[in-house]
Amino acid sequence: MNLLIITLIAGAGLFIGGRWALQRRKTEALMAAPLPAEHRKILRSRVPIYNALPHELRKRLDGLINRFLAEKKFYGAQGFEITDEVRVVIAAQACLLIVNKENRWFKTLHTIHVYPAVFTSRMARVEGNVMMEHRPVRSGESWARGPVILSWDQAAYGAFAAHDGHNVVMHEFAHQLDNETGVTDGSPLLDKDQSASRWAHVFQDAYARLRADLEAGRANILDPYGATNPAEFFAVATEVFFERPRELREEEPALYGELSAYYQLDPAEWF
């Protein structure tokens, strides 16, 4: 290998290393910076769960919100105006999922598209030899490796109604975490101290109970939409874990335990 090639390789390595170090310092600065007072005011009035967080978690969430707002782009659909309120309310709910998971970040997500209200999504399916098209009404969508699409009316209501077990932002961002393995199937990337076999066993049991309850007309703390498939079950369970944690812990203790270990949080103790 001649001297020129060695020099070029060394130069490229220094350039990449320098960019990495610069990005790391920028991230650390965002994480350490206090949340602007106007952003904190929005959260205290529009996102009640923010007020319930223990001090250290709230401080870390502030840093994650700073980073999210700096790195992710928001776009308004159908002429919808993206304001600081829209950005902060959505960012807070998304970052709450990773507030205690230092090794997690929405790395492949770059854009969030926000509609003013529920929207339609074009879907096609084959029935016999005929291609059928339909447009279901959506309050949110999560695409593999991004983007996330949300309706603002549902995102805002989900943030404010913090104890009804329904939160479209948490639901769609749970799908983003689920897809870290490359497949959105209800089995997210677990930490080293979690057992994949136990996760599968607990989730399969709870999923089967939800489906059985639906068939029998019995009540279940989890929304019926969670019975659609394992991916939707994980997203629905995440909503309830953060918004109705005590009820979930009582009715599905094993499921609550797995989610608590995954998110490294115990929201039942916040309220």
C-alpha atoms as a PDB file:
ATOM      1  CA  MET A   1       0.000   0.000   0.000  1.00  0.00           C
ATOM      2  CA  ASN A   2       1.648   3.263  -1.084  1.00  0.00           C
ATOM      3  CA  LEU A   3       1.976   6.386   1.007  1.00  0.00           C
ATOM      4  CA  LEU A   4      -0.808   8.259  -0.826  1.00  0.00           C
ATOM      5  CA  ILE A   5      -3.405   5.591  -0.092  1.00  0.00           C
ATOM      6  CA  ILE A   6      -2.349   5.406   3.555  1.00  0.00           C
ATOM      7  CA  THR A   7      -2.609   9.191   3.821  1.00  0.00           C
ATOM      8  CA  LEU A   8      -6.065   9.214   2.234  1.00  0.00           C
ATOM      9  CA  ILE A   9      -7.321   6.466   4.559  1.00  0.00           C
ATOM     10  CA  ALA A  10      -5.917   8.258   7.593  1.00  0.00           C
ATOM     11  CA  GLY A  11      -7.455  11.541   6.475  1.00  0.00           C
ATOM     12  CA  ALA A  12     -10.860   9.926   5.951  1.00  0.00           C
ATOM     13  CA  GLY A  13     -10.660   8.336   9.381  1.00  0.00           C
ATOM     14  CA  LEU A  14      -9.834  11.659  11.020  1.00  0.00           C
ATOM     15  CA  PHE A  15     -12.681  13.361   9.150  1.00  0.00           C
ATOM     16  CA  ILE A  16     -15.242  10.726  10.161  1.00  0.00           C
ATOM     17  CA  GLY A  17     -13.953  10.675  13.723  1.00  0.00           C
ATOM     18  CA  GLY A  18     -14.089  14.459  13.891  1.00  0.00           C
ATOM     19  CA  ARG A  19     -17.673  14.555  12.643  1.00  0.00           C
ATOM     20  CA  TRP A  20     -18.669  11.881  15.146  1.00  0.00           C
ATOM     21  CA  ALA A  21     -17.037  13.776  18.019  1.00  0.00           C
ATOM     22  CA  LEU A  22     -18.693  17.030  16.935  1.00  0.00           C
ATOM     23  CA  GLN A  23     -22.119  15.371  16.774  1.00  0.00           C
ATOM     24  CA  ARG A  24     -21.588  13.786  20.171  1.00  0.00           C
ATOM     25  CA  ARG A  25     -20.699  17.139  21.740  1.00  0.00           C
ATOM     26  CA  LYS A  26     -23.758  18.723  20.132  1.00  0.00           C
ATOM     27  CA  THR A  27     -25.996  15.943  21.473  1.00  0.00           C
ATOM     28  CA  GLU A  28     -24.524  16.243  24.960  1.00  0.00           C
ATOM     29  CA  ALA A  29     -25.086  20.005  24.919  1.00  0.00           C
ATOM     30  CA  LEU A  30     -28.725  19.581  23.895  1.00  0.00           C
ATOM     31  CA  MET A  31     -29.270  16.958  26.588  1.00  0.00           C
ATOM     32  CA  ALA A  32     -27.720  19.170  29.277  1.00  0.00           C
ATOM     33  CA  ALA A  33     -29.474  22.393  28.273  1.00  0.00           C
ATOM     34  CA  PRO A  34     -32.573  23.433  30.233  1.00  0.00           C
ATOM     35  CA  LEU A  35     -35.846  23.339  28.367  1.00  0.00           C
ATOM     36  CA  PRO A  36     -36.898  26.855  27.287  1.00  0.00           C
ATOM     37  CA  ALA A  37     -39.421  28.380  29.673  1.00  0.00           C
ATOM     38  CA  GLU A  38     -42.050  28.728  26.933  1.00  0.00           C
ATOM     39  CA  HIS A  39     -41.735  25.029  26.131  1.00  0.00           C
ATOM     40  CA  ARG A  40     -42.049  24.047  29.780  1.00  0.00           C
ATOM     41  CA  LYS A  41     -45.169  26.210  30.058  1.00  0.00           C
ATOM     42  CA  ILE A  42     -46.732  24.330  27.128  1.00  0.00           C
ATOM     43  CA  LEU A  43     -45.964  20.971  28.723  1.00  0.00           C
ATOM     44  CA  ARG A  44     -47.310  21.896  32.147  1.00  0.00           C
ATOM     45  CA  SER A  45     -50.645  22.928  30.659  1.00  0.00           C
ATOM     46  CA  ARG A  46     -51.035  20.495  27.745  1.00  0.00           C
ATOM     47  CA  VAL A  47     -49.216  17.323  28.883  1.00  0.00           C
ATOM     48  CA  PRO A  48     -50.277  16.498  32.470  1.00  0.00           C
ATOM     49  CA  ILE A  49     -48.075  13.413  32.704  1.00  0.00           C
ATOM     50  CA  TYR A  50     -45.064  15.760  32.515  1.00  0.00           C
ATOM     51  CA  ASN A  51     -46.007  17.185  35.910  1.00  0.00           C
ATOM     52  CA  ALA A  52     -46.196  13.703  37.435  1.00  0.00           C
ATOM     53  CA  LEU A  53     -42.657  12.683  36.503  1.00  0.00           C
ATOM     54  CA  PRO A  54     -39.998  12.394  39.197  1.00  0.00           C
ATOM     55  CA  HIS A  55     -37.508  15.267  39.021  1.00  0.00           C
ATOM     56  CA  GLU A  56     -34.617  13.317  37.467  1.00  0.00           C
ATOM     57  CA  LEU A  57     -36.829  11.782  34.774  1.00  0.00           C
ATOM     58  CA  ARG A  58     -38.327  15.181  33.951  1.00  0.00           C
ATOM     59  CA  LYS A  59     -34.858  16.657  33.645  1.00  0.00           C
ATOM     60  CA  ARG A  60     -33.788  13.899  31.263  1.00  0.00           C
ATOM     61  CA  LEU A  61     -37.013  14.255  29.280  1.00  0.00           C
ATOM     62  CA  ASP A  62     -36.263  17.964  28.871  1.00  0.00           C
ATOM     63  CA  GLY A  63     -32.940  17.086  27.277  1.00  0.00           C
ATOM     64  CA  LEU A  64     -34.486  14.504  24.974  1.00  0.00           C
ATOM     65  CA  ILE A  65     -37.110  17.020  23.854  1.00  0.00           C
ATOM     66  CA  ASN A  66     -34.335  19.512  23.056  1.00  0.00           C
ATOM     67  CA  ARG A  67     -32.577  16.883  20.959  1.00  0.00           C
ATOM     68  CA  PHE A  68     -35.763  15.712  19.242  1.00  0.00           C
ATOM     69  CA  LEU A  69     -36.705  19.246  18.213  1.00  0.00           C
ATOM     70  CA  ALA A  70     -33.189  19.885  16.910  1.00  0.00           C
ATOM     71  CA  GLU A  71     -32.913  16.686  14.867  1.00  0.00           C
ATOM     72  CA  LYS A  72     -36.422  15.853  13.641  1.00  0.00           C
ATOM     73  CA  LYS A  73     -38.334  17.843  11.015  1.00  0.00           C
ATOM     74  CA  PHE A  74     -42.058  18.541  11.259  1.00  0.00           C
ATOM     75  CA  TYR A  75     -44.248  19.116   8.223  1.00  0.00           C
ATOM     76  CA  GLY A  76     -47.865  20.236   8.190  1.00  0.00           C
ATOM     77  CA  ALA A  77     -50.296  18.471   5.842  1.00  0.00           C
ATOM     78  CA  GLN A  78     -53.360  20.064   4.238  1.00  0.00           C
ATOM     79  CA  GLY A  79     -52.063  23.517   5.096  1.00  0.00           C
ATOM     80  CA  PHE A  80     -51.709  22.766   8.806  1.00  0.00           C
ATOM     81  CA  GLU A  81     -49.366  25.179  10.585  1.00  0.00           C
ATOM     82  CA  ILE A  82     -46.590  23.634  12.674  1.00  0.00           C
ATOM     83  CA  THR A  83     -46.240  25.707  15.836  1.00  0.00           C
ATOM     84  CA  ASP A  84     -44.000  25.323  18.871  1.00  0.00           C
ATOM     85  CA  GLU A  85     -46.989  23.849  20.717  1.00  0.00           C
ATOM     86  CA  VAL A  86     -47.402  21.129  18.088  1.00  0.00           C
ATOM     87  CA  ARG A  87     -43.713  20.262  18.080  1.00  0.00           C
ATOM     88  CA  VAL A  88     -43.267  20.266  21.860  1.00  0.00           C
ATOM     89  CA  VAL A  89     -46.429  18.300  22.694  1.00  0.00           C
ATOM     90  CA  ILE A  90     -45.585  15.582  20.161  1.00  0.00           C
ATOM     91  CA  ALA A  91     -41.888  15.471  21.076  1.00  0.00           C
ATOM     92  CA  ALA A  92     -42.649  15.089  24.792  1.00  0.00           C
ATOM     93  CA  GLN A  93     -44.929  12.111  24.280  1.00  0.00           C
ATOM     94  CA  ALA A  94     -42.525  10.414  21.877  1.00  0.00           C
ATOM     95  CA  CYS A  95     -39.476  10.939  24.095  1.00  0.00           C
ATOM     96  CA  LEU A  96     -41.274   9.693  27.211  1.00  0.00           C
ATOM     97  CA  LEU A  97     -40.966   6.182  25.749  1.00  0.00           C
ATOM     98  CA  ILE A  98     -37.160   6.407  25.831  1.00  0.00           C
ATOM     99  CA  VAL A  99     -36.695   8.731  28.810  1.00  0.00           C
ATOM    100  CA  ASN A 100     -34.888   6.012  30.789  1.00  0.00           C
ATOM    101  CA  LYS A 101     -33.371   4.082  27.889  1.00  0.00           C
ATOM    102  CA  GLU A 102     -30.001   5.691  27.209  1.00  0.00           C
ATOM    103  CA  ASN A 103     -29.199   3.216  24.421  1.00  0.00           C
ATOM    104  CA  ARG A 104     -32.316   4.031  22.410  1.00  0.00           C
ATOM    105  CA  TRP A 105     -33.004   6.821  19.956  1.00  0.00           C
ATOM    106  CA  PHE A 106     -35.282   7.105  16.934  1.00  0.00           C
ATOM    107  CA  LYS A 107     -32.278   6.928  14.621  1.00  0.00           C
ATOM    108  CA  THR A 108     -34.046   6.113  11.361  1.00  0.00           C
ATOM    109  CA  LEU A 109     -36.868   8.600  11.907  1.00  0.00           C
ATOM    110  CA  HIS A 110     -36.258  11.995  10.329  1.00  0.00           C
ATOM    111  CA  THR A 111     -39.702  13.498   9.700  1.00  0.00           C
ATOM    112  CA  ILE A 112     -43.080  13.783  11.391  1.00  0.00           C
ATOM    113  CA  HIS A 113     -46.045  14.759   9.223  1.00  0.00           C
ATOM    114  CA  VAL A 114     -49.018  16.301  11.012  1.00  0.00           C
ATOM    115  CA  TYR A 115     -52.578  16.560   9.718  1.00  0.00           C
ATOM    116  CA  PRO A 116     -55.058  18.903  11.427  1.00  0.00           C
ATOM    117  CA  ALA A 117     -57.487  16.018  12.050  1.00  0.00           C
ATOM    118  CA  VAL A 118     -57.991  12.361  11.168  1.00  0.00           C
ATOM    119  CA  PHE A 119     -56.985  11.535   7.622  1.00  0.00           C
ATOM    120  CA  THR A 120     -57.499   8.822   5.042  1.00  0.00           C
ATOM    121  CA  SER A 121     -54.828   6.409   3.899  1.00  0.00           C
ATOM    122  CA  ARG A 122     -54.935   4.722   0.508  1.00  0.00           C
ATOM    123  CA  MET A 123     -54.801   0.926   0.735  1.00  0.00           C
ATOM    124  CA  ALA A 124     -55.240  -1.736  -1.930  1.00  0.00           C
ATOM    125  CA  ARG A 125     -55.987  -5.439  -1.716  1.00  0.00           C
ATOM    126  CA  VAL A 126     -56.687  -8.225  -4.191  1.00  0.00           C
ATOM    127  CA  GLU A 127     -60.043  -9.996  -4.070  1.00  0.00           C
ATOM    128  CA  GLY A 128     -60.074 -12.810  -6.592  1.00  0.00           C
ATOM    129  CA  ASN A 129     -58.868 -11.241  -9.814  1.00  0.00           C
ATOM    130  CA  VAL A 130     -59.924  -7.728  -8.834  1.00  0.00           C
ATOM    131  CA  MET A 131     -57.757  -5.058  -7.218  1.00  0.00           C
ATOM    132  CA  MET A 132     -59.849  -3.301  -4.578  1.00  0.00           C
ATOM    133  CA  GLU A 133     -58.942   0.101  -3.157  1.00  0.00           C
ATOM    134  CA  HIS A 134     -60.214   1.568   0.093  1.00  0.00           C
ATOM    135  CA  ARG A 135     -59.317   4.569   2.222  1.00  0.00           C
ATOM    136  CA  PRO A 136     -59.564   3.866   5.954  1.00  0.00           C
ATOM    137  CA  VAL A 137     -59.669   6.790   8.358  1.00  0.00           C
ATOM    138  CA  ARG A 138     -56.519   7.091  10.471  1.00  0.00           C
ATOM    139  CA  SER A 139     -55.391   9.082  13.472  1.00  0.00           C
ATOM    140  CA  GLY A 140     -51.781   8.009  12.992  1.00  0.00           C
ATOM    141  CA  GLU A 141     -49.377   5.869  10.985  1.00  0.00           C
ATOM    142  CA  SER A 142     -45.839   4.650  11.557  1.00  0.00           C
ATOM    143  CA  TRP A 143     -43.743   3.600   8.594  1.00  0.00           C
ATOM    144  CA  ALA A 144     -40.755   1.284   8.920  1.00  0.00           C
ATOM    145  CA  ARG A 145     -37.661   3.477   9.358  1.00  0.00           C
ATOM    146  CA  GLY A 146     -39.971   6.535   9.415  1.00  0.00           C
ATOM    147  CA  PRO A 147     -41.821   8.760   8.899  1.00  0.00           C
ATOM    148  CA  VAL A 148     -44.520   9.018  11.551  1.00  0.00           C
ATOM    149  CA  ILE A 149     -47.828  10.568  10.495  1.00  0.00           C
ATOM    150  CA  LEU A 150     -50.200  12.026  13.101  1.00  0.00           C
ATOM    151  CA  SER A 151     -53.473  13.902  13.374  1.00  0.00           C
ATOM    152  CA  TRP A 152     -53.025  16.906  15.627  1.00  0.00           C
ATOM    153  CA  ASP A 153     -56.475  16.782  17.194  1.00  0.00           C
ATOM    154  CA  GLN A 154     -55.859  13.205  18.362  1.00  0.00           C
ATOM    155  CA  ALA A 155     -52.259  13.872  19.392  1.00  0.00           C
ATOM    156  CA  ALA A 156     -53.301  16.884  21.472  1.00  0.00           C
ATOM    157  CA  TYR A 157     -56.258  15.087  23.046  1.00  0.00           C
ATOM    158  CA  GLY A 158     -54.130  12.026  23.832  1.00  0.00           C
ATOM    159  CA  ALA A 159     -51.614  14.214  25.633  1.00  0.00           C
ATOM    160  CA  PHE A 160     -54.242  16.054  27.675  1.00  0.00           C
ATOM    161  CA  ALA A 161     -56.430  13.051  28.534  1.00  0.00           C
ATOM    162  CA  ALA A 162     -53.582  11.322  30.305  1.00  0.00           C
ATOM    163  CA  HIS A 163     -55.520   8.526  32.014  1.00  0.00           C
ATOM    164  CA  ASP A 164     -57.852   7.095  29.365  1.00  0.00           C
ATOM    165  CA  GLY A 165     -55.369   4.541  28.019  1.00  0.00           C
ATOM    166  CA  HIS A 166     -55.405   5.979  24.492  1.00  0.00           C
ATOM    167  CA  ASN A 167     -52.455   7.906  23.094  1.00  0.00           C
ATOM    168  CA  VAL A 168     -51.793   7.976  19.361  1.00  0.00           C
ATOM    169  CA  VAL A 169     -48.287   9.441  19.673  1.00  0.00           C
ATOM    170  CA  MET A 170     -47.122   6.744  22.087  1.00  0.00           C
ATOM    171  CA  HIS A 171     -48.800   4.130  19.898  1.00  0.00           C
ATOM    172  CA  GLU A 172     -47.021   5.149  16.700  1.00  0.00           C
ATOM    173  CA  PHE A 173     -43.646   5.672  18.356  1.00  0.00           C
ATOM    174  CA  ALA A 174     -43.940   2.264  20.012  1.00  0.00           C
ATOM    175  CA  HIS A 175     -44.097   0.937  16.443  1.00  0.00           C
ATOM    176  CA  GLN A 176     -40.855   2.806  15.711  1.00  0.00           C
ATOM    177  CA  LEU A 177     -39.170   1.065  18.652  1.00  0.00           C
ATOM    178  CA  ASP A 178     -40.670  -2.264  17.583  1.00  0.00           C
ATOM    179  CA  ASN A 179     -39.109  -1.840  14.134  1.00  0.00           C
ATOM    180  CA  GLU A 180     -35.557  -1.513  15.524  1.00  0.00           C
ATOM    181  CA  THR A 181     -35.121  -5.229  14.867  1.00  0.00           C
ATOM    182  CA  GLY A 182     -36.010  -4.650  11.204  1.00  0.00           C
ATOM    183  CA  VAL A 183     -39.471  -6.191  11.604  1.00  0.00           C
ATOM    184  CA  THR A 184     -42.526  -4.658  13.280  1.00  0.00           C
ATOM    185  CA  ASP A 185     -43.923  -7.737  15.000  1.00  0.00           C
ATOM    186  CA  GLY A 186     -44.450  -6.927  18.669  1.00  0.00           C
ATOM    187  CA  SER A 187     -40.959  -8.085  19.646  1.00  0.00           C
ATOM    188  CA  PRO A 188     -38.767  -4.988  20.020  1.00  0.00           C
ATOM    189  CA  LEU A 189     -35.038  -5.015  20.581  1.00  0.00           C
ATOM    190  CA  LEU A 190     -34.638  -6.095  24.192  1.00  0.00           C
ATOM    191  CA  ASP A 191     -31.837  -5.150  26.554  1.00  0.00           C
ATOM    192  CA  LYS A 192     -29.250  -7.760  27.491  1.00  0.00           C
ATOM    193  CA  ASP A 193     -30.813  -8.444  30.890  1.00  0.00           C
ATOM    194  CA  GLN A 194     -34.215  -9.283  29.388  1.00  0.00           C
ATOM    195  CA  SER A 195     -35.226 -12.775  28.327  1.00  0.00           C
ATOM    196  CA  ALA A 196     -36.620 -13.005  24.806  1.00  0.00           C
ATOM    197  CA  SER A 197     -38.339 -16.294  25.622  1.00  0.00           C
ATOM    198  CA  ARG A 198     -40.046 -14.828  28.694  1.00  0.00           C
ATOM    199  CA  TRP A 199     -41.115 -11.762  26.696  1.00  0.00           C
ATOM    200  CA  ALA A 200     -42.645 -13.996  24.019  1.00  0.00           C
ATOM    201  CA  HIS A 201     -44.411 -16.198  26.580  1.00  0.00           C
ATOM    202  CA  VAL A 202     -45.899 -13.283  28.536  1.00  0.00           C
ATOM    203  CA  PHE A 203     -47.012 -11.378  25.462  1.00  0.00           C
ATOM    204  CA  GLN A 204     -48.491 -14.426  23.756  1.00  0.00           C
ATOM    205  CA  ASP A 205     -50.509 -15.249  26.873  1.00  0.00           C
ATOM    206  CA  ALA A 206     -51.828 -11.687  27.260  1.00  0.00           C
ATOM    207  CA  TYR A 207     -52.556 -11.448  23.532  1.00  0.00           C
ATOM    208  CA  ALA A 208     -54.507 -14.713  23.647  1.00  0.00           C
ATOM    209  CA  ARG A 209     -56.510 -13.483  26.653  1.00  0.00           C
ATOM    210  CA  LEU A 210     -57.439 -10.288  24.845  1.00  0.00           C
ATOM    211  CA  ARG A 211     -58.654 -12.216  21.801  1.00  0.00           C
ATOM    212  CA  ALA A 212     -60.585 -14.660  23.996  1.00  0.00           C
ATOM    213  CA  ASP A 213     -62.196 -11.806  25.922  1.00  0.00           C
ATOM    214  CA  LEU A 214     -63.287 -10.164  22.694  1.00  0.00           C
ATOM    215  CA  GLU A 215     -64.846 -13.370  21.411  1.00  0.00           C
ATOM    216  CA  ALA A 216     -66.655 -13.903  24.724  1.00  0.00           C
ATOM    217  CA  GLY A 217     -67.768 -10.284  25.080  1.00  0.00           C
ATOM    218  CA  ARG A 218     -65.760  -9.802  28.270  1.00  0.00           C
ATOM    219  CA  ALA A 219     -64.111  -6.520  29.270  1.00  0.00           C
ATOM    220  CA  ASN A 220     -60.350  -6.173  28.993  1.00  0.00           C
ATOM    221  CA  ILE A 221     -58.181  -3.236  29.977  1.00  0.00           C
ATOM    222  CA  LEU A 222     -56.526  -3.336  26.558  1.00  0.00           C
ATOM    223  CA  ASP A 223     -58.258  -1.806  23.557  1.00  0.00           C
ATOM    224  CA  PRO A 224     -59.743  -4.336  21.089  1.00  0.00           C
ATOM    225  CA  TYR A 225     -57.467  -2.937  18.382  1.00  0.00           C
ATOM    226  CA  GLY A 226     -54.621  -4.679  20.177  1.00  0.00           C
ATOM    227  CA  ALA A 227     -56.085  -8.014  19.050  1.00  0.00           C
ATOM    228  CA  THR A 228     -55.378  -7.127  15.391  1.00  0.00           C
ATOM    229  CA  ASN A 229     -51.870  -8.608  15.466  1.00  0.00           C
ATOM    230  CA  PRO A 230     -48.864  -8.781  17.847  1.00  0.00           C
ATOM    231  CA  ALA A 231     -47.435  -5.459  16.606  1.00  0.00           C
ATOM    232  CA  GLU A 232     -50.645  -3.610  17.419  1.00  0.00           C
ATOM    233  CA  PHE A 233     -50.847  -5.452  20.733  1.00  0.00           C
ATOM    234  CA  PHE A 234     -47.431  -4.101  21.776  1.00  0.00           C
ATOM    235  CA  ALA A 235     -48.391  -0.561  20.750  1.00  0.00           C
ATOM    236  CA  VAL A 236     -51.752  -0.720  22.556  1.00  0.00           C
ATOM    237  CA  ALA A 237     -50.123  -2.225  25.654  1.00  0.00           C
ATOM    238  CA  THR A 238     -47.617   0.651  25.639  1.00  0.00           C
ATOM    239  CA  GLU A 239     -50.440   3.204  25.675  1.00  0.00           C
ATOM    240  CA  VAL A 240     -52.056   1.549  28.697  1.00  0.00           C
ATOM    241  CA  PHE A 241     -48.714   1.050  30.456  1.00  0.00           C
ATOM    242  CA  PHE A 242     -48.123   4.803  30.516  1.00  0.00           C
ATOM    243  CA  GLU A 243     -51.701   6.012  30.955  1.00  0.00           C
ATOM    244  CA  ARG A 244     -53.391   3.368  33.140  1.00  0.00           C
ATOM    245  CA  PRO A 245     -50.395   1.745  34.816  1.00  0.00           C
ATOM    246  CA  ARG A 246     -51.976   0.770  38.126  1.00  0.00           C
ATOM    247  CA  GLU A 247     -54.908  -0.968  36.431  1.00  0.00           C
ATOM    248  CA  LEU A 248     -52.575  -2.761  34.044  1.00  0.00           C
ATOM    249  CA  ARG A 249     -50.343  -3.876  36.919  1.00  0.00           C
ATOM    250  CA  GLU A 250     -53.377  -5.261  38.718  1.00  0.00           C
ATOM    251  CA  GLU A 251     -55.013  -7.000  35.753  1.00  0.00           C
ATOM    252  CA  GLU A 252     -51.939  -8.103  33.803  1.00  0.00           C
ATOM    253  CA  PRO A 253     -49.025  -8.158  36.289  1.00  0.00           C
ATOM    254  CA  ALA A 254     -46.687 -10.211  34.086  1.00  0.00           C
ATOM    255  CA  LEU A 255     -47.299  -7.976  31.091  1.00  0.00           C
ATOM    256  CA  TYR A 256     -46.756  -4.886  33.222  1.00  0.00           C
ATOM    257  CA  GLY A 257     -43.510  -6.385  34.523  1.00  0.00           C
ATOM    258  CA  GLU A 258     -42.131  -7.010  31.027  1.00  0.00           C
ATOM    259  CA  LEU A 259     -43.042  -3.514  29.864  1.00  0.00           C
ATOM    260  CA  SER A 260     -41.570  -2.014  33.029  1.00  0.00           C
ATOM    261  CA  ALA A 261     -38.310  -3.881  32.416  1.00  0.00           C
ATOM    262  CA  TYR A 262     -38.268  -2.852  28.743  1.00  0.00           C
ATOM    263  CA  TYR A 263     -38.981   0.839  29.310  1.00  0.00           C
ATOM    264  CA  GLN A 264     -37.021   0.810  32.603  1.00  0.00           C
ATOM    265  CA  LEU A 265     -39.864   2.725  34.211  1.00  0.00           C
ATOM    266  CA  ASP A 266     -42.559   2.142  36.847  1.00  0.00           C
ATOM    267  CA  PRO A 267     -45.301   4.655  35.972  1.00  0.00           C
ATOM    268  CA  ALA A 268     -47.692   3.080  38.499  1.00  0.00           C
ATOM    269  CA  GLU A 269     -45.651   4.886  41.154  1.00  0.00           C
ATOM    270  CA  TRP A 270     -45.865   8.307  39.493  1.00  0.00           C
ATOM    271  CA  PHE A 271     -49.523   8.978  40.255  1.00  0.00           C
END
